[in-house]
C-alpha atoms as a PDB file:
ATOM      1  CA  MET A   1     -26.301  -9.677 -60.566  1.00  0.00           C
ATOM      2  CA  ARG A   2     -25.903 -10.621 -56.883  1.00  0.00           C
ATOM      3  CA  SER A   3     -28.109 -13.675 -57.324  1.00  0.00           C
ATOM      4  CA  MET A   4     -26.026 -14.839 -60.287  1.00  0.00           C
ATOM      5  CA  PHE A   5     -22.856 -14.432 -58.205  1.00  0.00           C
ATOM      6  CA  ARG A   6     -24.427 -16.541 -55.448  1.00  0.00           C
ATOM      7  CA  VAL A   7     -25.376 -19.258 -57.920  1.00  0.00           C
ATOM      8  CA  ILE A   8     -21.822 -19.345 -59.300  1.00  0.00           C
ATOM      9  CA  ALA A   9     -20.348 -19.377 -55.775  1.00  0.00           C
ATOM     10  CA  ILE A  10     -22.643 -22.232 -54.710  1.00  0.00           C
ATOM     11  CA  LEU A  11     -21.812 -24.238 -57.835  1.00  0.00           C
ATOM     12  CA  MET A  12     -18.106 -23.746 -57.242  1.00  0.00           C
ATOM     13  CA  PHE A  13     -18.503 -24.896 -53.609  1.00  0.00           C
ATOM     14  CA  VAL A  14     -20.546 -27.954 -54.590  1.00  0.00           C
ATOM     15  CA  CYS A  15     -18.066 -28.936 -57.306  1.00  0.00           C
ATOM     16  CA  ILE A  16     -14.884 -28.315 -55.313  1.00  0.00           C
ATOM     17  CA  VAL A  17     -15.791 -29.649 -51.844  1.00  0.00           C
ATOM     18  CA  PRO A  18     -16.462 -33.303 -52.790  1.00  0.00           C
ATOM     19  CA  VAL A  19     -13.063 -33.587 -54.489  1.00  0.00           C
ATOM     20  CA  CYS A  20     -11.242 -32.040 -51.532  1.00  0.00           C
ATOM     21  CA  SER A  21     -13.123 -34.009 -48.900  1.00  0.00           C
ATOM     22  CA  MET A  22     -13.270 -37.393 -50.638  1.00  0.00           C
ATOM     23  CA  ALA A  23     -10.395 -38.793 -48.630  1.00  0.00           C
ATOM     24  CA  SER A  24     -12.275 -38.281 -45.379  1.00  0.00           C
ATOM     25  CA  PHE A  25     -15.813 -39.187 -46.479  1.00  0.00           C
ATOM     26  CA  VAL A  26     -17.061 -42.472 -45.038  1.00  0.00           C
ATOM     27  CA  PHE A  27     -19.119 -44.597 -47.407  1.00  0.00           C
ATOM     28  CA  GLN A  28     -21.792 -46.886 -46.004  1.00  0.00           C
ATOM     29  CA  GLU A  29     -24.200 -47.215 -48.913  1.00  0.00           C
ATOM     30  CA  GLU A  30     -24.357 -50.053 -51.387  1.00  0.00           C
ATOM     31  CA  GLY A  31     -22.542 -49.153 -54.591  1.00  0.00           C
ATOM     32  CA  ARG A  32     -19.417 -49.218 -56.744  1.00  0.00           C
ATOM     33  CA  TYR A  33     -16.526 -46.975 -55.680  1.00  0.00           C
ATOM     34  CA  ILE A  34     -13.379 -46.136 -57.650  1.00  0.00           C
ATOM     35  CA  SER A  35     -10.216 -45.129 -55.795  1.00  0.00           C
ATOM     36  CA  PRO A  36      -9.127 -41.495 -56.329  1.00  0.00           C
ATOM     37  CA  LYS A  37      -6.110 -42.603 -58.393  1.00  0.00           C
ATOM     38  CA  GLU A  38      -8.271 -45.184 -60.195  1.00  0.00           C
ATOM     39  CA  ILE A  39      -5.984 -48.000 -59.061  1.00  0.00           C
ATOM     40  CA  CYS A  40      -8.792 -50.201 -57.794  1.00  0.00           C
ATOM     41  CA  VAL A  41     -12.556 -50.469 -57.628  1.00  0.00           C
ATOM     42  CA  VAL A  42     -14.544 -51.811 -54.693  1.00  0.00           C
ATOM     43  CA  GLN A  43     -18.187 -52.686 -54.381  1.00  0.00           C
ATOM     44  CA  LEU A  44     -20.325 -52.690 -51.276  1.00  0.00           C
ATOM     45  CA  LYS A  45     -23.249 -55.072 -51.676  1.00  0.00           C
ATOM     46  CA  ILE A  46     -26.034 -56.230 -49.414  1.00  0.00           C
ATOM     47  CA  SER A  47     -25.987 -59.985 -48.917  1.00  0.00           C
ATOM     48  CA  PRO A  48     -29.161 -61.709 -50.101  1.00  0.00           C
ATOM     49  CA  LYS A  49     -28.624 -64.185 -47.233  1.00  0.00           C
ATOM     50  CA  GLY A  50     -29.143 -61.916 -44.272  1.00  0.00           C
ATOM     51  CA  GLY A  51     -29.083 -58.280 -45.271  1.00  0.00           C
ATOM     52  CA  PHE A  52     -25.556 -57.489 -44.026  1.00  0.00           C
ATOM     53  CA  SER A  53     -23.053 -55.562 -46.133  1.00  0.00           C
ATOM     54  CA  GLN A  54     -20.241 -57.269 -48.018  1.00  0.00           C
ATOM     55  CA  LEU A  55     -17.121 -55.615 -49.425  1.00  0.00           C
ATOM     56  CA  PHE A  56     -15.649 -56.831 -52.717  1.00  0.00           C
ATOM     57  CA  ILE A  57     -12.772 -55.646 -54.854  1.00  0.00           C
ATOM     58  CA  GLU A  58     -12.851 -55.963 -58.617  1.00  0.00           C
ATOM     59  CA  ASP A  59     -10.077 -58.010 -60.197  1.00  0.00           C
ATOM     60  CA  HIS A  60      -8.360 -57.041 -63.454  1.00  0.00           C
ATOM     61  CA  VAL A  61     -11.105 -58.660 -65.583  1.00  0.00           C
ATOM     62  CA  GLY A  62     -14.047 -57.204 -63.645  1.00  0.00           C
ATOM     63  CA  GLY A  63     -14.711 -60.214 -61.430  1.00  0.00           C
ATOM     64  CA  LEU A  64     -15.421 -59.713 -57.732  1.00  0.00           C
ATOM     65  CA  VAL A  65     -13.111 -60.896 -54.954  1.00  0.00           C
ATOM     66  CA  HIS A  66     -14.677 -61.035 -51.477  1.00  0.00           C
ATOM     67  CA  VAL A  67     -12.836 -58.923 -48.872  1.00  0.00           C
ATOM     68  CA  ALA A  68     -15.060 -58.702 -45.760  1.00  0.00           C
ATOM     69  CA  ASP A  69     -18.556 -59.122 -44.336  1.00  0.00           C
ATOM     70  CA  ASN A  70     -20.663 -56.754 -42.261  1.00  0.00           C
ATOM     71  CA  VAL A  71     -18.671 -53.685 -43.258  1.00  0.00           C
ATOM     72  CA  THR A  72     -19.857 -50.693 -41.227  1.00  0.00           C
ATOM     73  CA  GLY A  73     -18.027 -48.067 -43.277  1.00  0.00           C
ATOM     74  CA  PHE A  74     -15.051 -47.401 -45.506  1.00  0.00           C
ATOM     75  CA  LEU A  75     -13.090 -44.522 -46.953  1.00  0.00           C
ATOM     76  CA  TRP A  76     -10.241 -43.879 -49.337  1.00  0.00           C
ATOM     77  CA  LEU A  77      -7.241 -42.785 -47.302  1.00  0.00           C
ATOM     78  CA  ASP A  78      -5.190 -41.869 -50.343  1.00  0.00           C
ATOM     79  CA  GLY A  79      -5.168 -42.819 -53.984  1.00  0.00           C
ATOM     80  CA  GLY A  80      -4.917 -46.543 -53.435  1.00  0.00           C
ATOM     81  CA  SER A  81      -5.519 -47.312 -49.782  1.00  0.00           C
ATOM     82  CA  LEU A  82      -8.957 -48.245 -48.466  1.00  0.00           C
ATOM     83  CA  ILE A  83      -9.708 -48.183 -44.737  1.00  0.00           C
ATOM     84  CA  PHE A  84     -12.788 -50.110 -43.580  1.00  0.00           C
ATOM     85  CA  SER A  85     -14.447 -51.139 -40.342  1.00  0.00           C
ATOM     86  CA  SER A  86     -16.501 -54.253 -39.723  1.00  0.00           C
ATOM     87  CA  SER A  87     -18.864 -55.572 -37.105  1.00  0.00           C
ATOM     88  CA  PRO A  88     -18.689 -58.920 -35.280  1.00  0.00           C
ATOM     89  CA  ILE A  89     -22.272 -59.961 -35.994  1.00  0.00           C
ATOM     90  CA  TYR A  90     -21.592 -61.474 -39.438  1.00  0.00           C
ATOM     91  CA  GLY A  91     -17.976 -60.493 -39.949  1.00  0.00           C
ATOM     92  CA  LYS A  92     -14.584 -60.260 -38.336  1.00  0.00           C
ATOM     93  CA  PRO A  93     -14.553 -57.086 -36.223  1.00  0.00           C
ATOM     94  CA  GLY A  94     -11.881 -54.457 -36.522  1.00  0.00           C
ATOM     95  CA  ILE A  95     -10.439 -51.693 -38.631  1.00  0.00           C
ATOM     96  CA  PHE A  96      -8.500 -52.770 -41.678  1.00  0.00           C
ATOM     97  CA  GLU A  97      -6.489 -51.266 -44.494  1.00  0.00           C
ATOM     98  CA  LEU A  98      -6.647 -52.672 -48.002  1.00  0.00           C
ATOM     99  CA  ILE A  99      -3.686 -51.398 -50.010  1.00  0.00           C
ATOM    100  CA  CYS A 100      -4.313 -51.510 -53.737  1.00  0.00           C
ATOM    101  CA  SER A 101      -1.553 -51.527 -56.291  1.00  0.00           C
ATOM    102  CA  TYR A 102      -1.593 -52.361 -59.967  1.00  0.00           C
ATOM    103  CA  ASP A 103      -0.280 -55.875 -59.389  1.00  0.00           C
ATOM    104  CA  ASP A 104      -0.986 -56.820 -55.763  1.00  0.00           C
ATOM    105  CA  LEU A 105      -3.355 -56.352 -52.817  1.00  0.00           C
ATOM    106  CA  THR A 106      -2.373 -56.207 -49.171  1.00  0.00           C
ATOM    107  CA  LEU A 107      -4.795 -56.446 -46.223  1.00  0.00           C
ATOM    108  CA  ILE A 108      -3.537 -55.086 -42.888  1.00  0.00           C
ATOM    109  CA  THR A 109      -5.324 -55.183 -39.528  1.00  0.00           C
ATOM    110  CA  LEU A 110      -5.068 -51.725 -37.963  1.00  0.00           C
ATOM    111  CA  MET A 111      -7.236 -52.365 -34.898  1.00  0.00           C
ATOM    112  CA  ALA A 112      -8.250 -55.847 -33.798  1.00  0.00           C
ATOM    113  CA  SER A 113     -10.921 -56.976 -31.404  1.00  0.00           C
ATOM    114  CA  GLU A 114      -9.956 -57.046 -27.718  1.00  0.00           C
ATOM    115  CA  ASN A 115     -12.926 -58.959 -26.300  1.00  0.00           C
ATOM    116  CA  ILE A 116     -13.049 -62.616 -27.327  1.00  0.00           C
ATOM    117  CA  TYR A 117     -16.005 -64.745 -26.176  1.00  0.00           C
ATOM    118  CA  SER A 118     -17.212 -68.211 -27.147  1.00  0.00           C
ATOM    119  CA  ALA A 119     -20.184 -66.643 -28.951  1.00  0.00           C
ATOM    120  CA  TYR A 120     -17.780 -64.314 -30.801  1.00  0.00           C
ATOM    121  CA  PRO A 121     -14.542 -66.216 -31.454  1.00  0.00           C
ATOM    122  CA  ASP A 122     -13.186 -63.343 -33.600  1.00  0.00           C
ATOM    123  CA  GLY A 123     -14.218 -60.781 -30.986  1.00  0.00           C
ATOM    124  CA  ALA A 124     -17.335 -58.954 -29.788  1.00  0.00           C
ATOM    125  CA  ASP A 125     -16.020 -55.391 -30.278  1.00  0.00           C
ATOM    126  CA  TYR A 126     -18.013 -53.093 -32.579  1.00  0.00           C
ATOM    127  CA  PHE A 127     -16.160 -50.670 -34.880  1.00  0.00           C
ATOM    128  CA  GLU A 128     -17.676 -48.042 -37.169  1.00  0.00           C
ATOM    129  CA  LEU A 129     -15.595 -45.484 -39.062  1.00  0.00           C
ATOM    130  CA  LYS A 130     -16.576 -41.864 -38.514  1.00  0.00           C
ATOM    131  CA  GLU A 131     -14.048 -39.685 -40.353  1.00  0.00           C
ATOM    132  CA  VAL A 132     -10.450 -38.680 -40.920  1.00  0.00           C
ATOM    133  CA  VAL A 133      -9.479 -35.255 -39.583  1.00  0.00           C
ATOM    134  CA  ASP A 134      -5.961 -33.865 -39.875  1.00  0.00           C
ATOM    135  CA  GLY A 135      -4.592 -37.314 -40.640  1.00  0.00           C
ATOM    136  CA  LYS A 136      -6.274 -38.958 -37.625  1.00  0.00           C
ATOM    137  CA  LEU A 137      -8.771 -41.756 -38.035  1.00  0.00           C
ATOM    138  CA  TRP A 138     -11.854 -41.450 -35.797  1.00  0.00           C
ATOM    139  CA  PHE A 139     -14.329 -44.254 -35.212  1.00  0.00           C
ATOM    140  CA  TYR A 140     -17.164 -45.293 -32.926  1.00  0.00           C
ATOM    141  CA  TYR A 141     -16.269 -48.151 -30.616  1.00  0.00           C
ATOM    142  CA  GLY A 142     -18.185 -50.470 -28.329  1.00  0.00           C
ATOM    143  CA  ALA A 143     -16.544 -53.271 -26.338  1.00  0.00           C
ATOM    144  CA  ASP A 144     -19.478 -55.705 -26.642  1.00  0.00           C
ATOM    145  CA  VAL A 145     -21.913 -55.580 -29.552  1.00  0.00           C
ATOM    146  CA  GLU A 146     -24.512 -57.462 -27.471  1.00  0.00           C
ATOM    147  CA  VAL A 147     -24.953 -54.585 -24.992  1.00  0.00           C
ATOM    148  CA  ILE A 148     -24.816 -51.588 -27.373  1.00  0.00           C
ATOM    149  CA  ASP A 149     -28.001 -49.566 -27.740  1.00  0.00           C
ATOM    150  CA  PHE A 150     -27.653 -48.343 -31.319  1.00  0.00           C
ATOM    151  CA  ASN A 151     -30.380 -45.722 -30.773  1.00  0.00           C
ATOM    152  CA  ASP A 152     -27.891 -43.601 -28.815  1.00  0.00           C
ATOM    153  CA  PHE A 153     -24.527 -45.178 -29.647  1.00  0.00           C
ATOM    154  CA  ARG A 154     -23.145 -42.550 -32.031  1.00  0.00           C
ATOM    155  CA  ILE A 155     -22.126 -39.996 -29.402  1.00  0.00           C
ATOM    156  CA  GLU A 156     -18.820 -38.360 -28.493  1.00  0.00           C
ATOM    157  CA  ALA A 157     -18.251 -40.701 -25.525  1.00  0.00           C
ATOM    158  CA  ASN A 158     -17.960 -43.652 -27.935  1.00  0.00           C
ATOM    159  CA  ILE A 159     -15.479 -42.023 -30.323  1.00  0.00           C
ATOM    160  CA  ARG A 160     -11.869 -43.205 -30.341  1.00  0.00           C
END
């Protein structure tokens, strides 16, 4: 009887937790993702011309509209708002919000690059979403992508 109770408790946890935590889960894997309120659908694909990630949003007839390159992570903030980060290597660096509605899309820059160089005209800053906790957006940040050692980059000192 105790083992059956444990199985039921585990199943309830597994089924309930993803729904409750979806708003703060950062996606980085290739795939198709539907907003919690099913207002919009985005796809993260790997470019055949270089292996970097590309973010697309589906239009009303299922076609794909390009949003950004070299996306390092994204999450649904609420039912129709997508927050994503991108790297300067193949994309425009920063943290952005894509607001989906049934009849319009709005792209807002939340955090722009601060370090502009000739090699990186859009900026050399590296941004990677980590999570949302208590309404605060946390991300990894590096001022210059050329000097970051990604083997030990994802540490507390680099979180903003």
